[in-house]
Amino acid sequence: MRLTPIGFEIIKHFNGEFAIKDIQRSLKDLTGGLNVERDGIVKLIAALDENCMLDSPRFRERIGGPIRQPSCVGSYDADPKKLRSQLRKLFTAPGGAGEPKPDPLAADTKLRAVLVPHMDYGRGNVTYGWGFKELIDRTDATVFVIVATSHYSPHRFTLSRQHFATPLGVAETDQAYVERIVEAYGDGLFDDELAHLPEHSIELEVVLLQYLLEKRRSFRIVPLLVGSFGDCVRENRDPSRRRDIARMVKALQAAEAGCGEKVCYVISGDLAHIGPKFGDEEPAAGKMLAASKKRDEAILAKLGAADPAAYFETIAGEGDSRRICGLPPTWLTLAAIRPARGRVLHYQQFVHPEGHESVSFAAAAFHD
């Protein structure tokens, strides 16, 4: 939200200790006698509350209620009909994989996971389609464990019990599956109550699952955010040697073992983030882009081998200098499911026309 200088001075008083008349009096002293109308303060309060920026009943319902409301509408269309048209283009645009055509026999190929981007649909475009076509064509799973990059939380792991609402309806979270993870892992998985509120890395995948499965079958999700593995990278120490990470690997395995339905994992993670936007001095262009693509290819080769240790070592070997945000969810999923093989389906580099940033991403599939 944009605030005027006076609006900014007003919100400094929003600490639970000032009545509106007290705020008016304080501002009058600050501005040398300028009278701030009560109605203006009330409207500011209402606008902040509408945007969940006040600790209020509305905010508490948003973060603690049974349904998580979407936070990414705007990056995708709020109108269901227009949204479906937008999503269809992820499959049918030039370079796309084509629309899914599920083959009942292909469901026996034991697809265990797909890696997909979490860039906005406009920039992630057909790479999304390549990953989700593989998912729809190759599995009849009814439970999808979405292991996603956590962009806003300092916590390593954050689960949610909330169901996920989007313009296409409400995706149900598998409460029993969540509880099995909690039982196996222990405390701490709900400590950051804000982690899921603004996060896009699960929501964008849920919207696509709804679009693709709404006429095929019902499904449930398990929404797990995974925070930084920066400590592992700095020490060049395999993540499995961290107690909390090793515990989560076992918890995911135990939770799946207790599920009587077919499970498929959706890894939501991107690759390199380079350019001035991310702190690099030189623009994302020319030799810098070419070198980044070559390094991405080395990482993707390890994904093709479905080798979590080699995947981590490749990224740690460059000190994660290109900020591979997909490292934590990808490593965790591969370590938990131990697929026999992987296959890279598509790769892209988004490049800002002025070189301000570049983000690369891929789609990949992992099979037993």
Protein backbone atom coordinates (compact mmCIF):
# COMPACT_ATOMS: atom_id res chain seq x y z
CA MET A 1 0.00 0.00 0.00
CA ARG A 2 1.15 3.51 -0.75
CA LEU A 3 0.99 5.94 2.18
CA THR A 4 1.23 9.71 2.30
CA PRO A 5 3.73 11.18 4.79
CA ILE A 6 0.81 11.95 7.11
CA GLY A 7 -0.51 8.41 6.68
CA PHE A 8 2.89 7.07 7.66
CA GLU A 9 2.87 9.25 10.80
CA ILE A 10 -0.60 7.94 11.62
CA ILE A 11 0.36 4.27 11.49
CA LYS A 12 3.29 4.89 13.83
CA HIS A 13 0.59 5.22 16.52
CA PHE A 14 -1.01 1.84 15.74
CA ASN A 15 0.46 0.00 18.72
CA GLY A 16 -2.68 -0.55 20.77
CA GLU A 17 -2.05 2.39 23.11
CA PHE A 18 -3.66 5.33 21.25
CA ALA A 19 -7.32 6.16 20.69
CA ILE A 20 -8.15 8.04 17.49
CA LYS A 21 -8.54 11.30 19.39
CA ASP A 22 -5.05 10.77 20.87
CA ILE A 23 -3.64 10.27 17.38
CA GLN A 24 -5.33 13.47 16.19
CA ARG A 25 -3.85 15.40 19.10
CA SER A 26 -0.36 14.00 18.51
CA LEU A 27 -0.49 14.80 14.80
CA LYS A 28 -1.68 18.34 15.51
CA ASP A 29 1.42 18.93 17.62
CA LEU A 30 3.63 17.32 14.95
CA THR A 31 2.23 19.36 12.04
CA GLY A 32 2.07 22.69 13.81
CA GLY A 33 -1.70 22.81 14.20
CA LEU A 34 -2.94 20.88 11.16
CA ASN A 35 -6.18 19.09 12.02
CA VAL A 36 -6.39 15.50 10.72
CA GLU A 37 -10.02 14.49 10.30
CA ARG A 38 -11.24 11.45 12.19
CA ASP A 39 -12.85 10.10 9.01
CA GLY A 40 -9.48 10.00 7.27
CA ILE A 41 -7.94 7.92 10.06
CA VAL A 42 -10.94 5.57 10.09
CA LYS A 43 -10.63 5.03 6.32
CA LEU A 44 -6.92 4.29 6.67
CA ILE A 45 -7.66 1.75 9.40
CA ALA A 46 -10.27 0.08 7.17
CA ALA A 47 -7.87 -0.06 4.21
CA LEU A 48 -5.10 -1.58 6.31
CA ASP A 49 -7.49 -4.13 7.77
CA GLU A 50 -8.80 -5.05 4.32
CA ASN A 51 -5.21 -5.82 3.30
CA CYS A 52 -4.56 -7.83 6.48
CA MET A 53 -1.98 -5.35 7.76
CA LEU A 54 -3.50 -5.03 11.22
CA ASP A 55 -3.57 -7.63 13.97
CA SER A 56 -7.36 -7.88 13.87
CA PRO A 57 -10.09 -10.53 13.75
CA ARG A 58 -9.93 -10.39 9.95
CA PHE A 59 -6.18 -11.03 10.00
CA ARG A 60 -6.51 -13.85 12.55
CA GLU A 61 -9.13 -15.53 10.39
CA ARG A 62 -6.86 -15.14 7.35
CA ILE A 63 -3.92 -16.92 8.93
CA GLY A 64 -5.77 -19.29 11.26
CA GLY A 65 -9.06 -20.03 9.53
CA PRO A 66 -9.79 -23.31 7.76
CA ILE A 67 -9.26 -21.88 4.26
CA ARG A 68 -6.26 -19.99 2.90
CA GLN A 69 -7.38 -17.25 0.54
CA PRO A 70 -5.35 -16.70 -2.65
CA SER A 71 -2.56 -14.13 -2.55
CA CYS A 72 -1.48 -14.20 -6.21
CA VAL A 73 -4.65 -13.07 -7.98
CA GLY A 74 -3.44 -10.34 -10.29
CA SER A 75 -0.52 -12.39 -11.50
CA TYR A 76 -3.23 -14.67 -12.84
CA ASP A 77 -6.83 -13.84 -13.78
CA ALA A 78 -9.51 -13.85 -11.10
CA ASP A 79 -12.22 -14.80 -13.59
CA PRO A 80 -12.37 -18.62 -13.84
CA LYS A 81 -13.15 -18.64 -17.57
CA LYS A 82 -10.30 -16.26 -18.40
CA LEU A 83 -7.99 -18.13 -16.02
CA ARG A 84 -8.65 -21.45 -17.77
CA SER A 85 -7.82 -19.81 -21.09
CA GLN A 86 -4.61 -18.42 -19.57
CA LEU A 87 -3.61 -21.83 -18.24
CA ARG A 88 -4.38 -23.62 -21.48
CA LYS A 89 -1.75 -21.51 -23.22
CA LEU A 90 0.91 -22.95 -20.93
CA PHE A 91 0.43 -26.16 -22.92
CA THR A 92 -0.53 -24.93 -26.38
CA ALA A 93 1.71 -21.87 -26.93
CA PRO A 94 4.67 -22.22 -29.33
CA GLY A 95 7.20 -24.60 -27.82
CA GLY A 96 4.56 -26.10 -25.55
CA ALA A 97 4.15 -29.78 -24.76
CA GLY A 98 0.54 -29.94 -25.93
CA GLU A 99 -2.49 -30.62 -23.79
CA PRO A 100 -2.40 -33.66 -21.48
CA LYS A 101 -3.81 -36.91 -22.83
CA PRO A 102 -3.77 -39.37 -19.95
CA ASP A 103 -2.95 -42.94 -20.85
CA PRO A 104 -4.31 -45.51 -18.33
CA LEU A 105 -1.37 -47.78 -19.07
CA ALA A 106 1.12 -44.96 -18.52
CA ALA A 107 -0.04 -44.65 -14.92
CA ASP A 108 1.92 -47.84 -14.26
CA THR A 109 5.22 -46.14 -15.10
CA LYS A 110 5.48 -45.11 -11.44
CA LEU A 111 5.99 -41.40 -11.79
CA ARG A 112 7.04 -40.30 -8.31
CA ALA A 113 7.58 -36.57 -8.70
CA VAL A 114 7.75 -33.65 -11.09
CA LEU A 115 9.84 -30.51 -10.79
CA VAL A 116 8.02 -27.40 -12.03
CA PRO A 117 8.71 -23.65 -11.84
CA HIS A 118 7.02 -21.21 -9.52
CA MET A 119 7.68 -18.17 -11.68
CA ASP A 120 4.52 -16.30 -12.58
CA TYR A 121 2.71 -17.99 -15.44
CA GLY A 122 3.66 -15.27 -17.92
CA ARG A 123 7.39 -15.89 -17.51
CA GLY A 124 7.32 -19.58 -16.56
CA ASN A 125 4.97 -20.19 -19.52
CA VAL A 126 5.43 -23.48 -21.41
CA THR A 127 7.90 -24.94 -18.90
CA TYR A 128 4.92 -25.31 -16.57
CA GLY A 129 3.10 -27.18 -19.32
CA TRP A 130 5.92 -29.65 -19.88
CA GLY A 131 6.01 -30.59 -16.20
CA PHE A 132 2.26 -30.77 -15.61
CA LYS A 133 1.55 -32.67 -18.82
CA GLU A 134 3.94 -35.36 -17.60
CA LEU A 135 2.17 -35.41 -14.25
CA ILE A 136 -1.32 -35.77 -15.73
CA ASP A 137 -0.28 -38.24 -18.42
CA ARG A 138 1.79 -40.47 -16.17
CA THR A 139 0.05 -40.78 -12.82
CA ASP A 140 -3.43 -41.30 -11.44
CA ALA A 141 -2.38 -40.18 -7.96
CA THR A 142 -5.03 -38.63 -5.73
CA VAL A 143 -2.65 -37.11 -3.15
CA PHE A 144 -0.07 -34.51 -4.16
CA VAL A 145 2.66 -33.54 -1.71
CA ILE A 146 3.70 -30.04 -2.80
CA VAL A 147 7.24 -29.42 -1.56
CA ALA A 148 7.90 -25.77 -2.26
CA THR A 149 10.48 -23.05 -1.82
CA SER A 150 9.81 -20.85 1.21
CA HIS A 151 10.60 -17.27 0.22
CA TYR A 152 9.54 -15.35 3.31
CA SER A 153 10.16 -17.46 6.40
CA PRO A 154 13.37 -18.07 8.37
CA HIS A 155 12.04 -21.47 9.45
CA ARG A 156 13.33 -24.62 7.79
CA PHE A 157 9.97 -26.35 7.42
CA THR A 158 6.42 -25.01 7.61
CA LEU A 159 3.31 -27.10 7.08
CA SER A 160 -0.25 -25.85 6.75
CA ARG A 161 -3.57 -27.41 7.72
CA GLN A 162 -5.50 -24.84 5.70
CA HIS A 163 -7.36 -25.76 2.54
CA PHE A 164 -6.33 -23.63 -0.46
CA ALA A 165 -8.91 -21.44 -2.19
CA THR A 166 -8.39 -20.17 -5.74
CA PRO A 167 -10.77 -18.83 -8.42
CA LEU A 168 -11.27 -22.46 -9.46
CA GLY A 169 -12.54 -23.60 -6.06
CA VAL A 170 -11.06 -25.01 -2.86
CA ALA A 171 -8.31 -27.63 -2.90
CA GLU A 172 -8.59 -29.83 0.15
CA THR A 173 -5.55 -30.38 2.35
CA ASP A 174 -5.15 -33.98 3.52
CA GLN A 175 -5.37 -33.52 7.28
CA ALA A 176 -4.49 -37.13 8.12
CA TYR A 177 -1.36 -36.94 5.95
CA VAL A 178 -0.31 -33.69 7.63
CA GLU A 179 -0.78 -35.25 11.05
CA ARG A 180 1.36 -38.24 10.09
CA ILE A 181 4.19 -35.87 9.14
CA VAL A 182 3.81 -34.03 12.44
CA GLU A 183 3.75 -37.27 14.42
CA ALA A 184 6.95 -38.47 12.77
CA TYR A 185 8.78 -35.13 12.74
CA GLY A 186 7.77 -33.56 16.05
CA ASP A 187 7.14 -29.96 17.06
CA GLY A 188 7.95 -26.80 15.16
CA LEU A 189 6.14 -27.25 11.86
CA PHE A 190 3.56 -24.53 12.54
CA ASP A 191 5.76 -22.03 14.38
CA ASP A 192 5.66 -19.41 11.62
CA GLU A 193 1.98 -18.61 11.22
CA LEU A 194 2.72 -16.07 8.47
CA ALA A 195 4.83 -18.27 6.18
CA HIS A 196 1.99 -19.42 3.93
CA LEU A 197 0.10 -16.10 3.87
CA PRO A 198 1.97 -14.35 1.00
CA GLU A 199 3.67 -17.43 -0.48
CA HIS A 200 3.17 -18.10 -4.20
CA SER A 201 5.20 -21.28 -4.62
CA ILE A 202 2.35 -23.58 -3.53
CA GLU A 203 -0.60 -21.54 -4.76
CA LEU A 204 0.54 -21.46 -8.39
CA GLU A 205 0.87 -25.25 -8.44
CA VAL A 206 -2.54 -25.74 -6.81
CA VAL A 207 -4.26 -23.64 -9.47
CA LEU A 208 -2.81 -25.85 -12.21
CA LEU A 209 -3.76 -29.06 -10.41
CA GLN A 210 -7.34 -27.79 -10.13
CA TYR A 211 -7.48 -26.81 -13.78
CA LEU A 212 -6.13 -30.14 -14.99
CA LEU A 213 -8.02 -32.45 -12.64
CA GLU A 214 -11.39 -30.69 -12.20
CA LYS A 215 -13.03 -32.90 -14.83
CA ARG A 216 -10.96 -36.00 -14.10
CA ARG A 217 -10.85 -36.81 -10.40
CA SER A 218 -10.84 -35.35 -6.92
CA PHE A 219 -7.51 -34.90 -5.16
CA ARG A 220 -5.96 -33.64 -1.95
CA ILE A 221 -2.76 -31.73 -1.29
CA VAL A 222 -0.09 -31.65 1.40
CA PRO A 223 1.44 -28.12 1.47
CA LEU A 224 5.02 -28.07 2.79
CA LEU A 225 7.32 -25.04 2.57
CA VAL A 226 11.06 -25.62 2.79
CA GLY A 227 13.39 -22.83 3.87
CA SER A 228 17.04 -22.19 3.20
CA PHE A 229 19.80 -24.81 3.18
CA GLY A 230 22.33 -21.97 3.37
CA ASP A 231 24.03 -23.46 6.43
CA CYS A 232 24.64 -26.71 4.52
CA VAL A 233 26.06 -24.81 1.54
CA ARG A 234 28.36 -22.65 3.66
CA GLU A 235 29.79 -25.71 5.38
CA ASN A 236 29.65 -27.83 2.21
CA ARG A 237 27.91 -30.37 4.39
CA ASP A 238 25.41 -32.85 2.96
CA PRO A 239 21.91 -31.86 4.15
CA SER A 240 21.26 -35.40 5.39
CA ARG A 241 23.74 -34.71 8.19
CA ARG A 242 21.49 -32.00 9.61
CA ARG A 243 19.23 -33.55 12.23
CA ASP A 244 16.13 -31.56 11.33
CA ILE A 245 16.50 -32.28 7.62
CA ALA A 246 17.16 -35.98 8.16
CA ARG A 247 14.11 -36.07 10.44
CA MET A 248 11.93 -34.53 7.74
CA VAL A 249 13.13 -37.07 5.16
CA LYS A 250 12.03 -39.88 7.48
CA ALA A 251 8.77 -38.08 8.32
CA LEU A 252 7.83 -37.80 4.64
CA GLN A 253 8.61 -41.45 4.11
CA ALA A 254 6.56 -42.49 7.13
CA ALA A 255 3.62 -40.31 6.12
CA GLU A 256 3.52 -41.78 2.64
CA ALA A 257 3.82 -45.32 3.98
CA GLY A 258 0.67 -44.70 6.02
CA CYS A 259 -1.32 -43.46 3.03
CA GLY A 260 -3.57 -45.98 1.34
CA GLU A 261 -3.67 -44.02 -1.92
CA LYS A 262 -1.25 -43.28 -4.71
CA VAL A 263 0.97 -40.30 -3.91
CA CYS A 264 2.88 -38.01 -6.27
CA TYR A 265 5.23 -35.18 -5.29
CA VAL A 266 5.23 -31.75 -6.91
CA ILE A 267 8.55 -29.93 -6.42
CA SER A 268 8.07 -26.19 -6.74
CA GLY A 269 11.45 -24.59 -7.32
CA ASP A 270 13.41 -22.43 -9.75
CA LEU A 271 17.09 -22.39 -10.65
CA ALA A 272 19.46 -19.41 -10.95
CA HIS A 273 18.68 -15.81 -9.94
CA ILE A 274 21.31 -13.48 -11.39
CA GLY A 275 21.75 -9.82 -12.30
CA PRO A 276 21.69 -6.49 -10.44
CA LYS A 277 18.24 -7.20 -8.97
CA PHE A 278 19.83 -9.99 -6.94
CA GLY A 279 23.02 -8.16 -6.02
CA ASP A 280 25.31 -8.89 -8.97
CA GLU A 281 27.31 -5.99 -10.34
CA GLU A 282 27.10 -6.88 -14.02
CA PRO A 283 23.88 -7.14 -16.05
CA ALA A 284 22.36 -10.50 -16.89
CA ALA A 285 23.47 -10.62 -20.49
CA GLY A 286 26.06 -12.04 -22.87
CA LYS A 287 28.81 -14.10 -21.27
CA MET A 288 27.16 -13.99 -17.86
CA LEU A 289 24.01 -15.63 -19.24
CA ALA A 290 25.99 -18.20 -21.21
CA ALA A 291 28.06 -19.14 -18.16
CA SER A 292 24.94 -19.41 -16.01
CA LYS A 293 23.27 -21.69 -18.56
CA LYS A 294 26.33 -23.95 -18.61
CA ARG A 295 26.23 -24.23 -14.83
CA ASP A 296 22.50 -24.95 -14.96
CA GLU A 297 23.22 -27.79 -17.38
CA ALA A 298 25.60 -29.35 -14.85
CA ILE A 299 22.85 -29.19 -12.21
CA LEU A 300 20.25 -30.63 -14.57
CA ALA A 301 22.57 -33.53 -15.37
CA LYS A 302 22.48 -34.49 -11.68
CA LEU A 303 18.69 -34.28 -11.72
CA GLY A 304 18.70 -36.63 -14.70
CA ALA A 305 20.64 -39.07 -12.57
CA ALA A 306 18.17 -38.51 -9.69
CA ASP A 307 21.15 -38.17 -7.36
CA PRO A 308 20.43 -35.80 -4.43
CA ALA A 309 24.00 -35.89 -3.09
CA ALA A 310 25.56 -34.99 -6.45
CA TYR A 311 22.85 -32.37 -7.02
CA PHE A 312 23.72 -30.70 -3.71
CA GLU A 313 27.47 -30.95 -4.28
CA THR A 314 27.18 -29.23 -7.67
CA ILE A 315 25.31 -26.26 -6.20
CA ALA A 316 27.45 -26.10 -3.04
CA GLY A 317 30.57 -26.25 -5.22
CA GLU A 318 29.72 -22.85 -6.65
CA GLY A 319 28.79 -21.52 -3.20
CA ASP A 320 25.21 -21.13 -4.37
CA SER A 321 26.45 -17.88 -5.91
CA ARG A 322 23.52 -17.92 -8.34
CA ARG A 323 20.90 -18.34 -5.62
CA ILE A 324 19.29 -21.66 -6.64
CA CYS A 325 16.01 -21.34 -4.74
CA GLY A 326 14.90 -24.82 -5.81
CA LEU A 327 17.74 -26.49 -3.91
CA PRO A 328 15.88 -27.21 -0.63
CA PRO A 329 12.60 -28.64 -2.01
CA THR A 330 14.33 -30.59 -4.77
CA TRP A 331 16.97 -32.16 -2.53
CA LEU A 332 14.39 -33.00 0.14
CA THR A 333 12.04 -34.70 -2.31
CA LEU A 334 14.75 -36.73 -4.00
CA ALA A 335 16.13 -37.82 -0.63
CA ALA A 336 12.66 -38.85 0.57
CA ILE A 337 11.46 -40.79 -2.48
CA ARG A 338 14.81 -42.05 -3.88
CA PRO A 339 13.65 -42.38 -7.51
CA ALA A 340 15.50 -44.70 -9.83
CA ARG A 341 15.86 -42.17 -12.62
CA GLY A 342 15.09 -38.62 -13.66
CA ARG A 343 14.43 -36.91 -16.96
CA VAL A 344 14.72 -33.21 -17.74
CA LEU A 345 11.74 -32.16 -19.85
CA HIS A 346 12.28 -28.46 -20.50
CA TYR A 347 14.55 -25.57 -19.56
CA GLN A 348 14.32 -21.80 -19.91
CA GLN A 349 16.07 -18.60 -18.90
CA PHE A 350 13.88 -15.58 -18.39
CA VAL A 351 15.94 -12.48 -19.17
CA HIS A 352 14.90 -8.92 -18.42
CA PRO A 353 15.28 -6.90 -21.65
CA GLU A 354 17.67 -4.49 -19.93
CA GLY A 355 19.61 -7.21 -18.13
CA HIS A 356 18.27 -6.22 -14.73
CA GLU A 357 17.62 -9.86 -13.87
CA SER A 358 17.53 -13.39 -15.18
CA VAL A 359 15.79 -16.36 -13.58
CA SER A 360 16.18 -19.85 -14.99
CA PHE A 361 13.89 -22.79 -14.37
CA ALA A 362 13.15 -26.29 -15.60
CA ALA A 363 10.62 -29.09 -15.68
CA ALA A 364 11.75 -32.61 -14.81
CA ALA A 365 10.19 -35.97 -14.01
CA PHE A 366 11.34 -38.65 -11.59
CA HIS A 367 10.36 -42.30 -11.83
CA ASP A 368 10.87 -45.50 -9.84
